[in-house]
C-alpha atoms as a PDB file:
ATOM      1  CA  MET A   1      -5.403 -20.860  16.037  1.00  0.00           C
ATOM      2  CA  VAL A   2      -6.296 -17.834  14.253  1.00  0.00           C
ATOM      3  CA  HIS A   3      -8.501 -18.589  11.164  1.00  0.00           C
ATOM      4  CA  VAL A   4      -7.485 -16.554   7.803  1.00  0.00           C
ATOM      5  CA  ASN A   5      -9.557 -16.830   4.791  1.00  0.00           C
ATOM      6  CA  TYR A   6      -7.118 -17.012   1.972  1.00  0.00           C
ATOM      7  CA  LEU A   7      -9.593 -16.255  -0.594  1.00  0.00           C
ATOM      8  CA  HIS A   8     -10.430 -12.947   1.081  1.00  0.00           C
ATOM      9  CA  VAL A   9      -6.497 -12.277   1.519  1.00  0.00           C
ATOM     10  CA  LEU A  10      -5.985 -13.077  -2.179  1.00  0.00           C
ATOM     11  CA  VAL A  11      -8.822 -10.508  -3.265  1.00  0.00           C
ATOM     12  CA  ALA A  12      -7.477  -7.932  -0.859  1.00  0.00           C
ATOM     13  CA  ALA A  13      -3.896  -8.257  -2.282  1.00  0.00           C
ATOM     14  CA  VAL A  14      -5.296  -8.091  -5.902  1.00  0.00           C
ATOM     15  CA  VAL A  15      -7.307  -5.095  -4.995  1.00  0.00           C
ATOM     16  CA  VAL A  16      -4.234  -3.129  -3.474  1.00  0.00           C
ATOM     17  CA  PHE A  17      -1.962  -4.214  -6.100  1.00  0.00           C
ATOM     18  CA  VAL A  18      -4.096  -2.744  -8.922  1.00  0.00           C
ATOM     19  CA  LEU A  19      -4.871   0.437  -6.596  1.00  0.00           C
ATOM     20  CA  GLY A  20      -0.942   0.754  -6.108  1.00  0.00           C
ATOM     21  CA  TRP A  21      -0.554   0.422  -9.985  1.00  0.00           C
ATOM     22  CA  LEU A  22      -3.118   3.247 -10.337  1.00  0.00           C
ATOM     23  CA  TRP A  23      -1.507   5.539  -7.628  1.00  0.00           C
ATOM     24  CA  TYR A  24       1.850   5.482  -9.427  1.00  0.00           C
ATOM     25  CA  SER A  25       0.235   5.699 -13.019  1.00  0.00           C
ATOM     26  CA  PRO A  26      -0.104   8.705 -15.175  1.00  0.00           C
ATOM     27  CA  LEU A  27      -3.469   8.947 -14.084  1.00  0.00           C
ATOM     28  CA  LEU A  28      -2.528   9.950 -10.468  1.00  0.00           C
ATOM     29  CA  PHE A  29       0.918  10.691  -9.251  1.00  0.00           C
ATOM     30  CA  PHE A  30       3.444   9.446 -11.830  1.00  0.00           C
ATOM     31  CA  LYS A  31       4.438  12.662 -13.037  1.00  0.00           C
ATOM     32  CA  PRO A  32       4.954  14.611  -9.792  1.00  0.00           C
ATOM     33  CA  TRP A  33       6.604  11.323  -8.422  1.00  0.00           C
ATOM     34  CA  MET A  34       9.132  11.081 -11.288  1.00  0.00           C
ATOM     35  CA  ARG A  35       9.814  14.821 -11.315  1.00  0.00           C
ATOM     36  CA  LEU A  36      10.560  14.702  -7.621  1.00  0.00           C
ATOM     37  CA  ARG A  37      12.949  12.031  -7.963  1.00  0.00           C
ATOM     38  CA  GLY A  38      15.015  13.936 -10.725  1.00  0.00           C
ATOM     39  CA  MET A  39      13.454  12.108 -13.652  1.00  0.00           C
ATOM     40  CA  ASP A  40      11.670  12.982 -16.789  1.00  0.00           C
ATOM     41  CA  PRO A  41       8.155  11.338 -16.796  1.00  0.00           C
ATOM     42  CA  VAL A  42       7.980  11.852 -20.583  1.00  0.00           C
ATOM     43  CA  ALA A  43      11.170   9.855 -21.041  1.00  0.00           C
ATOM     44  CA  ALA A  44      10.319   7.372 -18.679  1.00  0.00           C
ATOM     45  CA  MET A  45       7.058   6.751 -20.315  1.00  0.00           C
ATOM     46  CA  ALA A  46       8.829   6.464 -23.764  1.00  0.00           C
ATOM     47  CA  GLY A  47      10.941   3.594 -22.781  1.00  0.00           C
ATOM     48  CA  ALA A  48       8.369   2.026 -20.222  1.00  0.00           C
ATOM     49  CA  LYS A  49       8.216  -1.811 -19.993  1.00  0.00           C
ATOM     50  CA  MET A  50       6.562  -3.630 -17.361  1.00  0.00           C
ATOM     51  CA  PRO A  51       9.256  -5.394 -15.403  1.00  0.00           C
ATOM     52  CA  GLY A  52       7.680  -8.703 -14.796  1.00  0.00           C
ATOM     53  CA  GLY A  53       9.885  -9.826 -11.975  1.00  0.00           C
ATOM     54  CA  LYS A  54       9.375  -6.589  -9.926  1.00  0.00           C
ATOM     55  CA  LEU A  55       5.598  -6.979 -10.589  1.00  0.00           C
ATOM     56  CA  VAL A  56       5.745 -10.604  -9.143  1.00  0.00           C
ATOM     57  CA  VAL A  57       7.572  -9.453  -6.040  1.00  0.00           C
ATOM     58  CA  GLU A  58       5.098  -6.395  -5.637  1.00  0.00           C
ATOM     59  CA  PHE A  59       2.214  -8.771  -5.846  1.00  0.00           C
ATOM     60  CA  ALA A  60       3.947 -10.966  -3.141  1.00  0.00           C
ATOM     61  CA  ARG A  61       4.404  -7.925  -0.973  1.00  0.00           C
ATOM     62  CA  CYS A  62       0.636  -7.041  -1.355  1.00  0.00           C
ATOM     63  CA  PHE A  63      -0.199 -10.676  -0.374  1.00  0.00           C
ATOM     64  CA  ILE A  64       1.994 -10.779   2.649  1.00  0.00           C
ATOM     65  CA  LEU A  65       0.792  -7.502   3.759  1.00  0.00           C
ATOM     66  CA  ALA A  66      -2.899  -8.665   3.343  1.00  0.00           C
ATOM     67  CA  TYR A  67      -2.062 -11.960   4.965  1.00  0.00           C
ATOM     68  CA  VAL A  68      -0.593 -10.116   8.148  1.00  0.00           C
ATOM     69  CA  ILE A  69      -3.527  -7.598   8.345  1.00  0.00           C
ATOM     70  CA  ALA A  70      -5.731 -10.654   8.179  1.00  0.00           C
ATOM     71  CA  ARG A  71      -4.274 -12.260  11.060  1.00  0.00           C
ATOM     72  CA  LEU A  72      -4.113  -9.063  13.157  1.00  0.00           C
ATOM     73  CA  VAL A  73      -7.961  -8.399  12.286  1.00  0.00           C
ATOM     74  CA  ALA A  74      -8.755 -11.869  13.430  1.00  0.00           C
ATOM     75  CA  LEU A  75      -6.672 -11.766  16.461  1.00  0.00           C
ATOM     76  CA  LEU A  76      -8.266  -8.361  17.669  1.00  0.00           C
ATOM     77  CA  GLY A  77     -11.594  -9.473  16.777  1.00  0.00           C
ATOM     78  CA  ILE A  78     -12.324  -6.360  14.443  1.00  0.00           C
ATOM     79  CA  ALA A  79     -15.883  -6.912  13.219  1.00  0.00           C
ATOM     80  CA  SER A  80     -17.014  -3.267  11.923  1.00  0.00           C
ATOM     81  CA  ALA A  81     -16.120  -0.877   9.113  1.00  0.00           C
ATOM     82  CA  LEU A  82     -15.493   1.634  11.756  1.00  0.00           C
ATOM     83  CA  GLY A  83     -13.032  -0.665  13.718  1.00  0.00           C
ATOM     84  CA  ALA A  84     -11.561  -1.602  10.335  1.00  0.00           C
ATOM     85  CA  VAL A  85     -10.770   2.260   9.688  1.00  0.00           C
ATOM     86  CA  HIS A  86      -9.442   2.883  13.142  1.00  0.00           C
ATOM     87  CA  PHE A  87      -7.176  -0.191  12.822  1.00  0.00           C
ATOM     88  CA  GLY A  88      -5.986   0.941   9.547  1.00  0.00           C
ATOM     89  CA  LEU A  89      -5.229   4.395  10.515  1.00  0.00           C
ATOM     90  CA  SER A  90      -3.466   3.209  13.559  1.00  0.00           C
ATOM     91  CA  VAL A  91      -1.237   0.759  11.664  1.00  0.00           C
ATOM     92  CA  TRP A  92      -0.572   3.446   9.032  1.00  0.00           C
ATOM     93  CA  ILE A  93       0.694   5.851  11.693  1.00  0.00           C
ATOM     94  CA  GLY A  94       2.447   3.440  13.563  1.00  0.00           C
ATOM     95  CA  PHE A  95       4.376   1.876  10.533  1.00  0.00           C
ATOM     96  CA  PRO A  96       4.608   3.434   7.146  1.00  0.00           C
ATOM     97  CA  VAL A  97       4.454   7.079   8.452  1.00  0.00           C
ATOM     98  CA  ILE A  98       7.006   6.497  11.105  1.00  0.00           C
ATOM     99  CA  VAL A  99       9.422   4.747   8.495  1.00  0.00           C
ATOM    100  CA  LEU A 100       8.998   7.270   5.944  1.00  0.00           C
ATOM    101  CA  THR A 101       9.279  10.139   8.456  1.00  0.00           C
ATOM    102  CA  GLY A 102      12.716   8.565   9.316  1.00  0.00           C
ATOM    103  CA  SER A 103      13.615   8.493   5.361  1.00  0.00           C
ATOM    104  CA  VAL A 104      12.951  12.153   5.363  1.00  0.00           C
ATOM    105  CA  LEU A 105      14.887  13.008   8.350  1.00  0.00           C
ATOM    106  CA  TRP A 106      17.916  10.858   7.837  1.00  0.00           C
ATOM    107  CA  GLU A 107      18.060   9.899   4.219  1.00  0.00           C
ATOM    108  CA  ASN A 108      17.320  13.364   2.998  1.00  0.00           C
ATOM    109  CA  THR A 109      14.212  11.668   1.070  1.00  0.00           C
ATOM    110  CA  SER A 110      11.950  14.683  -0.246  1.00  0.00           C
ATOM    111  CA  TRP A 111       9.084  15.018   2.065  1.00  0.00           C
ATOM    112  CA  LYS A 112       6.951  15.389  -1.126  1.00  0.00           C
ATOM    113  CA  VAL A 113       8.024  11.770  -2.353  1.00  0.00           C
ATOM    114  CA  ALA A 114       7.269  10.460   1.093  1.00  0.00           C
ATOM    115  CA  ALA A 115       3.931  11.978   1.178  1.00  0.00           C
ATOM    116  CA  ILE A 116       3.364  10.328  -2.154  1.00  0.00           C
ATOM    117  CA  HIS A 117       4.408   6.975  -0.697  1.00  0.00           C
ATOM    118  CA  ALA A 118       2.386   7.672   2.436  1.00  0.00           C
ATOM    119  CA  GLY A 119      -0.849   8.219   0.688  1.00  0.00           C
ATOM    120  CA  ASP A 120      -0.248   4.856  -1.298  1.00  0.00           C
ATOM    121  CA  TRP A 121       0.257   3.165   2.232  1.00  0.00           C
ATOM    122  CA  LEU A 122      -2.936   4.756   3.629  1.00  0.00           C
ATOM    123  CA  VAL A 123      -5.084   3.502   0.845  1.00  0.00           C
ATOM    124  CA  LYS A 124      -3.445  -0.060   1.367  1.00  0.00           C
ATOM    125  CA  MET A 125      -4.103   0.127   5.322  1.00  0.00           C
ATOM    126  CA  LEU A 126      -7.399   1.274   4.921  1.00  0.00           C
ATOM    127  CA  VAL A 127      -8.623  -0.804   1.961  1.00  0.00           C
ATOM    128  CA  ILE A 128      -7.208  -4.474   3.234  1.00  0.00           C
ATOM    129  CA  PRO A 129      -8.918  -4.356   6.652  1.00  0.00           C
ATOM    130  CA  LEU A 130     -12.154  -2.948   5.277  1.00  0.00           C
ATOM    131  CA  ILE A 131     -12.258  -5.930   2.633  1.00  0.00           C
ATOM    132  CA  LEU A 132     -11.380  -8.297   5.394  1.00  0.00           C
ATOM    133  CA  THR A 133     -13.974  -6.907   7.652  1.00  0.00           C
ATOM    134  CA  LEU A 134     -16.853  -6.191   5.370  1.00  0.00           C
ATOM    135  CA  TRP A 135     -16.476  -9.795   3.768  1.00  0.00           C
ATOM    136  CA  SER A 136     -16.505 -11.806   6.747  1.00  0.00           C
END
């Protein structure tokens, strides 16, 4: 049986949830992300409300992601920061990058929008295994 520390999973989920919020905030990529999607960032901010239901679902996504990564880290016996980074990069390339490439190729998603999303996923895929590995 694989042991998963739920406190570590919860902390990792909270950290990447906050980092994701920051990633898409006006401090980082909100304006280019909105413009690339054909929206006016100023108008979007004027009527901006935090959609409670969507935030709950987003946190649940972060928690599930952290839990799955925790199981994989435990199963693979990753015990060093370097191992965590290698794992995170491999999972990032193997999943989000491949999915986003398909969106660009087949759904006409702008490669710039995909790059913003890929950067967010890179942060998640590096931070979660690092927290889980270094805190163990």
